[in-house]
Amino acid sequence: MSFVHPLLNPSQNVERVRDVDLGRKTDDFEGRLRQVEAQVEAMADSLGRLKARELEDELKIQREEVRIMAHRIQEVAQQRAGETANPALDDFERKLGKWLSEWQLSMRQRLEERDRLWEQKLKGEVAGLRELIEARFDEMNTISDQRAAVRSERSAEAASMLADCASELEGSKSKKK
């Protein structure tokens, strides 16, 4: 294939050859670039999978370390529990627990008894106040009844006086006639 065109002048032919050469080099460069991009993508995928595996492995290692530590902690706790097993201390704790339970029961009983006494005292006070109020009410009713009786007597006396006055007036009128 010839790059020279017969109708073009020599400088145009040189330009054309340069364009064709540049086009080929550009095509080659783009091809290589695509290959490199594909390799980079493949490497990125591989790296991602590798990183994921590394993270999983590291996580497995950490889990195993945590499991081992938890097991050791349990062993140490069991050893210490065995070391501190003291019959005197256990007896003291049992006696203290019993004493606290008895004290709590005694305190509850005292509080209930105190509440009953206060309730009885308050009921007595209320009953006394009720009796006092009823006595005062009865006194007031008695006084009111006495006043009503006095009013009735006075009204009867006044009526009797009026009747006497009226009869005297009538008697004097009849004498004058």
N, C-alpha and C. Protein backbone atom coordinates (compact mmCIF):
# COMPACT_ATOMS: atom_id res chain seq x y z
N MET A 1 0.84 -1.15 0.00
CA MET A 1 0.00 0.00 0.00
C MET A 1 0.89 1.22 0.00
N SER A 2 0.52 2.13 -0.82
CA SER A 2 1.35 3.31 -1.03
C SER A 2 0.71 4.47 -0.30
N PHE A 3 1.58 5.25 0.39
CA PHE A 3 1.08 6.41 1.11
C PHE A 3 1.15 7.66 0.25
N VAL A 4 1.76 7.53 -0.86
CA VAL A 4 1.95 8.69 -1.74
C VAL A 4 0.77 8.74 -2.69
N HIS A 5 0.23 9.89 -2.79
CA HIS A 5 -0.90 10.11 -3.70
C HIS A 5 -0.38 10.89 -4.90
N PRO A 6 -0.66 10.45 -6.15
CA PRO A 6 -0.06 11.10 -7.31
C PRO A 6 -0.57 12.50 -7.56
N LEU A 7 -1.71 12.88 -7.11
CA LEU A 7 -2.26 14.19 -7.40
C LEU A 7 -1.80 15.26 -6.41
N LEU A 8 -1.22 14.88 -5.33
CA LEU A 8 -0.81 15.84 -4.32
C LEU A 8 0.64 16.26 -4.54
N ASN A 9 0.96 17.47 -4.15
CA ASN A 9 2.34 17.92 -4.28
C ASN A 9 3.17 17.25 -3.20
N PRO A 10 4.47 17.28 -3.27
CA PRO A 10 5.31 16.54 -2.35
C PRO A 10 5.11 16.96 -0.89
N SER A 11 4.92 18.21 -0.56
CA SER A 11 4.72 18.58 0.85
C SER A 11 3.40 18.04 1.37
N GLN A 12 2.40 18.01 0.50
CA GLN A 12 1.11 17.43 0.94
C GLN A 12 1.27 15.93 1.14
N ASN A 13 2.07 15.30 0.27
CA ASN A 13 2.29 13.87 0.45
C ASN A 13 3.03 13.60 1.77
N VAL A 14 3.97 14.46 2.13
CA VAL A 14 4.70 14.29 3.38
C VAL A 14 3.71 14.44 4.56
N GLU A 15 2.85 15.41 4.44
CA GLU A 15 1.84 15.62 5.49
C GLU A 15 0.96 14.39 5.62
N ARG A 16 0.58 13.88 4.48
CA ARG A 16 -0.31 12.72 4.49
C ARG A 16 0.39 11.54 5.14
N VAL A 17 1.63 11.32 4.85
CA VAL A 17 2.39 10.22 5.42
C VAL A 17 2.51 10.42 6.94
N ARG A 18 2.78 11.64 7.36
CA ARG A 18 2.85 11.92 8.79
C ARG A 18 1.53 11.63 9.47
N ASP A 19 0.40 12.04 8.82
CA ASP A 19 -0.93 11.77 9.41
C ASP A 19 -1.17 10.28 9.55
N VAL A 20 -0.82 9.54 8.50
CA VAL A 20 -1.03 8.09 8.54
C VAL A 20 -0.15 7.49 9.63
N ASP A 21 1.09 7.91 9.69
CA ASP A 21 2.01 7.40 10.70
C ASP A 21 1.51 7.76 12.10
N LEU A 22 1.09 8.99 12.27
CA LEU A 22 0.56 9.43 13.56
C LEU A 22 -0.70 8.65 13.93
N GLY A 23 -1.56 8.39 12.94
CA GLY A 23 -2.78 7.61 13.20
C GLY A 23 -2.45 6.22 13.66
N ARG A 24 -1.44 5.58 13.01
CA ARG A 24 -1.04 4.24 13.41
C ARG A 24 -0.47 4.26 14.84
N LYS A 25 0.37 5.25 15.10
CA LYS A 25 0.97 5.32 16.43
C LYS A 25 -0.11 5.57 17.49
N THR A 26 -1.09 6.41 17.12
CA THR A 26 -2.20 6.68 18.05
C THR A 26 -3.00 5.41 18.28
N ASP A 27 -3.28 4.68 17.19
CA ASP A 27 -4.02 3.42 17.34
C ASP A 27 -3.24 2.44 18.19
N ASP A 28 -1.92 2.34 17.94
CA ASP A 28 -1.09 1.45 18.76
C ASP A 28 -1.11 1.88 20.23
N PHE A 29 -0.98 3.18 20.45
CA PHE A 29 -0.99 3.71 21.82
C PHE A 29 -2.31 3.42 22.51
N GLU A 30 -3.43 3.64 21.80
CA GLU A 30 -4.76 3.36 22.38
C GLU A 30 -4.90 1.87 22.69
N GLY A 31 -4.36 1.02 21.80
CA GLY A 31 -4.42 -0.43 22.05
C GLY A 31 -3.63 -0.79 23.29
N ARG A 32 -2.42 -0.24 23.40
CA ARG A 32 -1.61 -0.51 24.59
C ARG A 32 -2.29 0.04 25.85
N LEU A 33 -2.89 1.23 25.73
CA LEU A 33 -3.59 1.84 26.86
C LEU A 33 -4.74 0.95 27.33
N ARG A 34 -5.50 0.41 26.38
CA ARG A 34 -6.60 -0.51 26.75
C ARG A 34 -6.06 -1.75 27.45
N GLN A 35 -4.92 -2.27 26.94
CA GLN A 35 -4.32 -3.45 27.57
C GLN A 35 -3.89 -3.12 29.00
N VAL A 36 -3.26 -1.97 29.17
CA VAL A 36 -2.81 -1.57 30.51
C VAL A 36 -4.03 -1.37 31.43
N GLU A 37 -5.07 -0.73 30.91
CA GLU A 37 -6.30 -0.53 31.73
C GLU A 37 -6.89 -1.88 32.14
N ALA A 38 -6.92 -2.82 31.19
CA ALA A 38 -7.45 -4.16 31.50
C ALA A 38 -6.60 -4.84 32.55
N GLN A 39 -5.27 -4.69 32.43
CA GLN A 39 -4.37 -5.28 33.41
C GLN A 39 -4.56 -4.62 34.79
N VAL A 40 -4.73 -3.28 34.79
CA VAL A 40 -4.95 -2.57 36.06
C VAL A 40 -6.26 -3.03 36.70
N GLU A 41 -7.32 -3.17 35.90
CA GLU A 41 -8.59 -3.66 36.45
C GLU A 41 -8.45 -5.06 37.00
N ALA A 42 -7.74 -5.91 36.28
CA ALA A 42 -7.53 -7.28 36.75
C ALA A 42 -6.73 -7.27 38.05
N MET A 43 -5.71 -6.42 38.07
CA MET A 43 -4.90 -6.32 39.28
C MET A 43 -5.73 -5.78 40.45
N ALA A 44 -6.59 -4.80 40.16
CA ALA A 44 -7.44 -4.22 41.22
C ALA A 44 -8.38 -5.29 41.75
N ASP A 45 -8.98 -6.08 40.87
CA ASP A 45 -9.86 -7.17 41.32
C ASP A 45 -9.08 -8.17 42.17
N SER A 46 -7.89 -8.54 41.67
CA SER A 46 -7.06 -9.49 42.43
C SER A 46 -6.68 -8.91 43.79
N LEU A 47 -6.30 -7.63 43.76
CA LEU A 47 -5.92 -6.97 45.01
C LEU A 47 -7.11 -6.92 45.97
N GLY A 48 -8.30 -6.62 45.44
CA GLY A 48 -9.51 -6.57 46.27
C GLY A 48 -9.80 -7.93 46.89
N ARG A 49 -9.69 -8.99 46.08
CA ARG A 49 -9.93 -10.33 46.61
C ARG A 49 -8.87 -10.69 47.64
N LEU A 50 -7.62 -10.30 47.34
CA LEU A 50 -6.54 -10.58 48.26
C LEU A 50 -6.75 -9.84 49.59
N LYS A 51 -7.12 -8.56 49.49
CA LYS A 51 -7.40 -7.77 50.70
C LYS A 51 -8.54 -8.39 51.49
N ALA A 52 -9.60 -8.80 50.78
CA ALA A 52 -10.75 -9.41 51.47
C ALA A 52 -10.31 -10.68 52.19
N ARG A 53 -9.49 -11.51 51.53
CA ARG A 53 -8.99 -12.73 52.18
C ARG A 53 -8.12 -12.39 53.38
N GLU A 54 -7.27 -11.38 53.22
CA GLU A 54 -6.42 -10.97 54.33
C GLU A 54 -7.25 -10.50 55.51
N LEU A 55 -8.30 -9.69 55.22
CA LEU A 55 -9.18 -9.21 56.29
C LEU A 55 -9.90 -10.37 56.96
N GLU A 56 -10.39 -11.32 56.16
CA GLU A 56 -11.06 -12.48 56.73
C GLU A 56 -10.10 -13.28 57.61
N ASP A 57 -8.89 -13.46 57.13
CA ASP A 57 -7.90 -14.20 57.92
C ASP A 57 -7.59 -13.46 59.21
N GLU A 58 -7.42 -12.15 59.12
CA GLU A 58 -7.13 -11.35 60.31
C GLU A 58 -8.29 -11.42 61.30
N LEU A 59 -9.52 -11.38 60.77
CA LEU A 59 -10.69 -11.47 61.63
C LEU A 59 -10.75 -12.84 62.32
N LYS A 60 -10.42 -13.89 61.58
CA LYS A 60 -10.40 -15.24 62.18
C LYS A 60 -9.37 -15.30 63.29
N ILE A 61 -8.21 -14.69 63.05
CA ILE A 61 -7.15 -14.69 64.05
C ILE A 61 -7.61 -13.94 65.30
N GLN A 62 -8.24 -12.78 65.11
CA GLN A 62 -8.72 -12.00 66.25
C GLN A 62 -9.79 -12.75 67.02
N ARG A 63 -10.69 -13.42 66.29
CA ARG A 63 -11.73 -14.21 66.99
C ARG A 63 -11.11 -15.31 67.82
N GLU A 64 -10.12 -15.96 67.26
CA GLU A 64 -9.46 -17.04 67.98
C GLU A 64 -8.75 -16.49 69.22
N GLU A 65 -8.12 -15.32 69.09
CA GLU A 65 -7.46 -14.70 70.23
C GLU A 65 -8.47 -14.35 71.32
N VAL A 66 -9.61 -13.81 70.91
CA VAL A 66 -10.67 -13.47 71.88
C VAL A 66 -11.16 -14.73 72.58
N ARG A 67 -11.36 -15.81 71.82
CA ARG A 67 -11.81 -17.07 72.40
C ARG A 67 -10.79 -17.58 73.41
N ILE A 68 -9.51 -17.51 73.06
CA ILE A 68 -8.45 -17.97 73.96
C ILE A 68 -8.42 -17.12 75.23
N MET A 69 -8.53 -15.79 75.06
CA MET A 69 -8.54 -14.91 76.23
C MET A 69 -9.74 -15.18 77.13
N ALA A 70 -10.90 -15.37 76.52
CA ALA A 70 -12.11 -15.65 77.32
C ALA A 70 -11.92 -16.96 78.10
N HIS A 71 -11.33 -17.94 77.45
CA HIS A 71 -11.09 -19.22 78.12
C HIS A 71 -10.12 -19.03 79.29
N ARG A 72 -9.07 -18.24 79.08
CA ARG A 72 -8.09 -17.98 80.14
C ARG A 72 -8.74 -17.23 81.30
N ILE A 73 -9.58 -16.26 80.96
CA ILE A 73 -10.27 -15.50 82.01
C ILE A 73 -11.14 -16.42 82.85
N GLN A 74 -11.85 -17.34 82.19
CA GLN A 74 -12.68 -18.29 82.93
C GLN A 74 -11.84 -19.19 83.81
N GLU A 75 -10.69 -19.63 83.29
CA GLU A 75 -9.81 -20.48 84.09
C GLU A 75 -9.31 -19.74 85.33
N VAL A 76 -8.87 -18.50 85.12
CA VAL A 76 -8.36 -17.71 86.25
C VAL A 76 -9.47 -17.46 87.27
N ALA A 77 -10.68 -17.15 86.77
CA ALA A 77 -11.80 -16.92 87.69
C ALA A 77 -12.11 -18.18 88.50
N GLN A 78 -12.07 -19.34 87.84
CA GLN A 78 -12.33 -20.59 88.56
C GLN A 78 -11.23 -20.87 89.59
N GLN A 79 -9.98 -20.57 89.21
CA GLN A 79 -8.88 -20.77 90.16
C GLN A 79 -9.05 -19.87 91.38
N ARG A 80 -9.38 -18.61 91.11
CA ARG A 80 -9.54 -17.67 92.22
C ARG A 80 -10.72 -18.06 93.09
N ALA A 81 -11.78 -18.54 92.45
CA ALA A 81 -12.95 -18.97 93.23
C ALA A 81 -12.56 -20.14 94.13
N GLY A 82 -11.73 -21.01 93.61
CA GLY A 82 -11.26 -22.14 94.41
C GLY A 82 -10.33 -21.69 95.53
N GLU A 83 -9.52 -20.68 95.26
CA GLU A 83 -8.59 -20.18 96.26
C GLU A 83 -9.30 -19.45 97.39
N THR A 84 -10.40 -18.74 97.06
CA THR A 84 -11.08 -17.96 98.08
C THR A 84 -12.15 -18.75 98.81
N ALA A 85 -12.29 -20.01 98.47
CA ALA A 85 -13.29 -20.82 99.18
C ALA A 85 -12.82 -20.96 100.63
N ASN A 86 -13.47 -20.23 101.51
CA ASN A 86 -13.09 -20.19 102.92
C ASN A 86 -14.32 -20.53 103.73
N PRO A 87 -14.29 -21.64 104.47
CA PRO A 87 -15.49 -22.03 105.23
C PRO A 87 -15.90 -20.99 106.26
N ALA A 88 -14.94 -20.33 106.86
CA ALA A 88 -15.27 -19.30 107.86
C ALA A 88 -15.98 -18.13 107.20
N LEU A 89 -15.48 -17.74 106.02
CA LEU A 89 -16.11 -16.64 105.29
C LEU A 89 -17.51 -17.04 104.83
N ASP A 90 -17.65 -18.26 104.34
CA ASP A 90 -18.97 -18.74 103.92
C ASP A 90 -19.94 -18.75 105.10
N ASP A 91 -19.45 -19.20 106.28
CA ASP A 91 -20.30 -19.23 107.48
C ASP A 91 -20.70 -17.81 107.89
N PHE A 92 -19.74 -16.88 107.84
CA PHE A 92 -20.02 -15.49 108.17
C PHE A 92 -21.07 -14.91 107.22
N GLU A 93 -20.90 -15.15 105.91
CA GLU A 93 -21.86 -14.64 104.92
C GLU A 93 -23.25 -15.22 105.16
N ARG A 94 -23.31 -16.51 105.50
CA ARG A 94 -24.60 -17.15 105.77
C ARG A 94 -25.25 -16.53 107.02
N LYS A 95 -24.45 -16.34 108.09
CA LYS A 95 -24.99 -15.74 109.32
C LYS A 95 -25.42 -14.29 109.08
N LEU A 96 -24.62 -13.55 108.33
CA LEU A 96 -24.96 -12.16 108.02
C LEU A 96 -26.26 -12.10 107.21
N GLY A 97 -26.40 -12.97 106.24
CA GLY A 97 -27.63 -13.01 105.43
C GLY A 97 -28.84 -13.34 106.30
N LYS A 98 -28.68 -14.30 107.21
CA LYS A 98 -29.79 -14.67 108.11
C LYS A 98 -30.14 -13.50 109.01
N TRP A 99 -29.11 -12.84 109.58
CA TRP A 99 -29.35 -11.69 110.46
C TRP A 99 -30.06 -10.57 109.71
N LEU A 100 -29.61 -10.30 108.48
CA LEU A 100 -30.25 -9.24 107.69
C LEU A 100 -31.70 -9.57 107.39
N SER A 101 -31.98 -10.82 107.09
CA SER A 101 -33.37 -11.23 106.83
C SER A 101 -34.23 -11.06 108.08
N GLU A 102 -33.69 -11.49 109.24
CA GLU A 102 -34.43 -11.34 110.49
C GLU A 102 -34.63 -9.87 110.83
N TRP A 103 -33.60 -9.07 110.65
CA TRP A 103 -33.70 -7.63 110.93
C TRP A 103 -34.75 -6.99 110.04
N GLN A 104 -34.76 -7.38 108.77
CA GLN A 104 -35.75 -6.82 107.84
C GLN A 104 -37.17 -7.21 108.27
N LEU A 105 -37.36 -8.47 108.66
CA LEU A 105 -38.67 -8.92 109.12
C LEU A 105 -39.07 -8.16 110.39
N SER A 106 -38.14 -8.02 111.33
CA SER A 106 -38.42 -7.30 112.57
C SER A 106 -38.78 -5.84 112.29
N MET A 107 -38.02 -5.21 111.42
CA MET A 107 -38.28 -3.81 111.08
C MET A 107 -39.67 -3.67 110.43
N ARG A 108 -40.00 -4.59 109.54
CA ARG A 108 -41.31 -4.54 108.89
C ARG A 108 -42.41 -4.69 109.92
N GLN A 109 -42.22 -5.61 110.88
CA GLN A 109 -43.23 -5.81 111.93
C GLN A 109 -43.37 -4.56 112.80
N ARG A 110 -42.23 -3.94 113.16
CA ARG A 110 -42.29 -2.71 113.96
C ARG A 110 -43.02 -1.60 113.21
N LEU A 111 -42.71 -1.46 111.96
CA LEU A 111 -43.37 -0.41 111.16
C LEU A 111 -44.88 -0.67 111.05
N GLU A 112 -45.24 -1.94 110.84
CA GLU A 112 -46.67 -2.26 110.77
C GLU A 112 -47.36 -1.99 112.10
N GLU A 113 -46.69 -2.34 113.22
CA GLU A 113 -47.26 -2.08 114.55
C GLU A 113 -47.42 -0.58 114.78
N ARG A 114 -46.38 0.20 114.42
CA ARG A 114 -46.46 1.65 114.55
C ARG A 114 -47.61 2.22 113.72
N ASP A 115 -47.76 1.71 112.50
CA ASP A 115 -48.86 2.17 111.66
C ASP A 115 -50.22 1.85 112.30
N ARG A 116 -50.33 0.64 112.88
CA ARG A 116 -51.59 0.28 113.55
C ARG A 116 -51.87 1.20 114.72
N LEU A 117 -50.84 1.51 115.53
CA LEU A 117 -51.02 2.41 116.68
C LEU A 117 -51.44 3.80 116.21
N TRP A 118 -50.78 4.32 115.19
CA TRP A 118 -51.16 5.64 114.67
C TRP A 118 -52.58 5.62 114.12
N GLU A 119 -52.92 4.54 113.46
CA GLU A 119 -54.28 4.43 112.92
C GLU A 119 -55.32 4.44 114.05
N GLN A 120 -55.04 3.66 115.11
CA GLN A 120 -55.96 3.64 116.25
C GLN A 120 -56.05 5.01 116.91
N LYS A 121 -54.89 5.65 117.07
CA LYS A 121 -54.87 6.97 117.70
C LYS A 121 -55.67 7.97 116.87
N LEU A 122 -55.45 7.95 115.56
CA LEU A 122 -56.18 8.87 114.68
C LEU A 122 -57.68 8.57 114.70
N LYS A 123 -58.02 7.29 114.69
CA LYS A 123 -59.45 6.94 114.76
C LYS A 123 -60.06 7.45 116.06
N GLY A 124 -59.31 7.31 117.18
CA GLY A 124 -59.79 7.83 118.48
C GLY A 124 -59.97 9.34 118.43
N GLU A 125 -58.99 10.04 117.86
CA GLU A 125 -59.09 11.50 117.74
C GLU A 125 -60.30 11.89 116.89
N VAL A 126 -60.48 11.20 115.78
CA VAL A 126 -61.61 11.52 114.90
C VAL A 126 -62.93 11.24 115.63
N ALA A 127 -63.00 10.13 116.34
CA ALA A 127 -64.23 9.81 117.08
C ALA A 127 -64.48 10.87 118.15
N GLY A 128 -63.42 11.29 118.87
CA GLY A 128 -63.58 12.33 119.89
C GLY A 128 -64.06 13.63 119.27
N LEU A 129 -63.47 14.02 118.15
CA LEU A 129 -63.91 15.24 117.47
C LEU A 129 -65.36 15.13 117.00
N ARG A 130 -65.70 13.96 116.51
CA ARG A 130 -67.09 13.75 116.07
C ARG A 130 -68.05 13.92 117.24
N GLU A 131 -67.71 13.31 118.39
CA GLU A 131 -68.57 13.44 119.58
C GLU A 131 -68.67 14.90 120.02
N LEU A 132 -67.54 15.60 120.01
CA LEU A 132 -67.53 17.00 120.39
C LEU A 132 -68.41 17.82 119.46
N ILE A 133 -68.28 17.57 118.18
CA ILE A 133 -69.09 18.31 117.20
C ILE A 133 -70.56 18.00 117.38
N GLU A 134 -70.88 16.71 117.60
CA GLU A 134 -72.28 16.34 117.81
C GLU A 134 -72.82 16.98 119.09
N ALA A 135 -71.99 17.02 120.15
CA ALA A 135 -72.43 17.64 121.42
C ALA A 135 -72.70 19.13 121.19
N ARG A 136 -71.78 19.78 120.49
CA ARG A 136 -71.99 21.21 120.20
C ARG A 136 -73.23 21.41 119.35
N PHE A 137 -73.41 20.53 118.39
CA PHE A 137 -74.58 20.64 117.53
C PHE A 137 -75.86 20.46 118.36
N ASP A 138 -75.83 19.46 119.28
CA ASP A 138 -76.98 19.25 120.15
C ASP A 138 -77.23 20.47 121.04
N GLU A 139 -76.14 21.08 121.59
CA GLU A 139 -76.28 22.28 122.40
C GLU A 139 -76.91 23.40 121.59
N MET A 140 -76.42 23.56 120.39
CA MET A 140 -76.97 24.62 119.55
C MET A 140 -78.45 24.37 119.24
N ASN A 141 -78.76 23.09 119.01
CA ASN A 141 -80.17 22.77 118.77
C ASN A 141 -81.01 23.03 120.02
N THR A 142 -80.45 22.69 121.19
CA THR A 142 -81.17 22.93 122.45
C THR A 142 -81.37 24.42 122.65
N ILE A 143 -80.28 25.19 122.44
CA ILE A 143 -80.39 26.65 122.58
C ILE A 143 -81.39 27.20 121.58
N SER A 144 -81.32 26.67 120.38
CA SER A 144 -82.26 27.13 119.36
C SER A 144 -83.68 26.76 119.74
N ASP A 145 -83.85 25.54 120.28
CA ASP A 145 -85.19 25.13 120.72
C ASP A 145 -85.67 26.01 121.87
N GLN A 146 -84.75 26.33 122.82
CA GLN A 146 -85.11 27.19 123.95
C GLN A 146 -85.50 28.58 123.45
N ARG A 147 -84.72 29.10 122.52
CA ARG A 147 -85.05 30.42 121.97
C ARG A 147 -86.39 30.39 121.26
N ALA A 148 -86.62 29.29 120.54
CA ALA A 148 -87.91 29.17 119.85
C ALA A 148 -89.05 29.11 120.88
N ALA A 149 -88.79 28.40 121.98
CA ALA A 149 -89.82 28.30 123.03
C ALA A 149 -90.06 29.67 123.65
N VAL A 150 -88.98 30.41 123.92
CA VAL A 150 -89.10 31.75 124.49
C VAL A 150 -89.86 32.63 123.51
N ARG A 151 -89.52 32.55 122.24
CA ARG A 151 -90.22 33.36 121.24
C ARG A 151 -91.71 32.99 121.21
N SER A 152 -91.92 31.67 121.30
CA SER A 152 -93.32 31.25 121.29
C SER A 152 -94.06 31.80 122.50
N GLU A 153 -93.42 31.73 123.68
CA GLU A 153 -94.04 32.26 124.90
C GLU A 153 -94.28 33.76 124.76
N ARG A 154 -93.28 34.46 124.25
CA ARG A 154 -93.41 35.91 124.10
C ARG A 154 -94.50 36.25 123.08
N SER A 155 -94.47 35.44 122.01
CA SER A 155 -95.53 35.68 121.00
C SER A 155 -96.90 35.42 121.62
N ALA A 156 -97.00 34.37 122.45
CA ALA A 156 -98.29 34.06 123.11
C ALA A 156 -98.66 35.18 124.08
N GLU A 157 -97.66 35.67 124.82
CA GLU A 157 -97.92 36.76 125.75
C GLU A 157 -98.36 38.01 124.98
N ALA A 158 -97.63 38.29 123.89
CA ALA A 158 -97.98 39.47 123.09
C ALA A 158 -99.39 39.31 122.53
N ALA A 159 -99.71 38.12 122.07
CA ALA A 159 -101.06 37.89 121.54
C ALA A 159 -102.10 38.05 122.65
N SER A 160 -101.75 37.55 123.82
CA SER A 160 -102.68 37.66 124.95
C SER A 160 -102.87 39.12 125.34
N MET A 161 -101.78 39.90 125.31
CA MET A 161 -101.88 41.32 125.64
C MET A 161 -102.71 42.05 124.59
N LEU A 162 -102.46 41.71 123.37
CA LEU A 162 -103.24 42.35 122.30
C LEU A 162 -104.72 42.01 122.46
N ALA A 163 -104.96 40.76 122.80
CA ALA A 163 -106.35 40.36 122.98
C ALA A 163 -106.96 41.11 124.16
N ASP A 164 -106.17 41.26 125.23
CA ASP A 164 -106.67 42.01 126.40
C ASP A 164 -106.92 43.46 126.02
N CYS A 165 -105.97 44.05 125.29
CA CYS A 165 -106.13 45.45 124.87
C CYS A 165 -107.35 45.57 123.98
N ALA A 166 -107.49 44.63 123.10
CA ALA A 166 -108.63 44.69 122.19
C ALA A 166 -109.93 44.55 122.97
N SER A 167 -109.97 43.68 123.97
CA SER A 167 -111.20 43.56 124.74
C SER A 167 -111.43 44.78 125.60
N GLU A 168 -110.39 45.38 126.10
CA GLU A 168 -110.56 46.61 126.87
C GLU A 168 -111.09 47.71 125.96
N LEU A 169 -110.54 47.79 124.80
CA LEU A 169 -111.00 48.81 123.84
C LEU A 169 -112.47 48.56 123.49
N GLU A 170 -112.78 47.35 123.33
CA GLU A 170 -114.16 47.05 123.00
C GLU A 170 -115.07 47.35 124.21
N GLY A 171 -114.58 47.03 125.34
CA GLY A 171 -115.36 47.32 126.58
C GLY A 171 -115.51 48.80 126.77
N SER A 172 -114.52 49.58 126.48
CA SER A 172 -114.65 51.01 126.64
C SER A 172 -115.55 51.57 125.56
N LYS A 173 -115.56 51.03 124.42
CA LYS A 173 -116.43 51.51 123.34
C LYS A 173 -117.86 51.16 123.68
N SER A 174 -118.06 50.01 124.22
CA SER A 174 -119.42 49.66 124.55
C SER A 174 -119.92 50.44 125.74
N LYS A 175 -119.16 50.88 126.64
CA LYS A 175 -119.56 51.70 127.76
C LYS A 175 -119.88 53.09 127.28
N LYS A 176 -119.23 53.58 126.36
CA LYS A 176 -119.45 54.91 125.85
C LYS A 176 -120.75 54.94 125.07
N LYS A 177 -121.21 53.99 124.67
CA LYS A 177 -122.42 54.01 123.90
C LYS A 177 -123.53 54.06 124.81
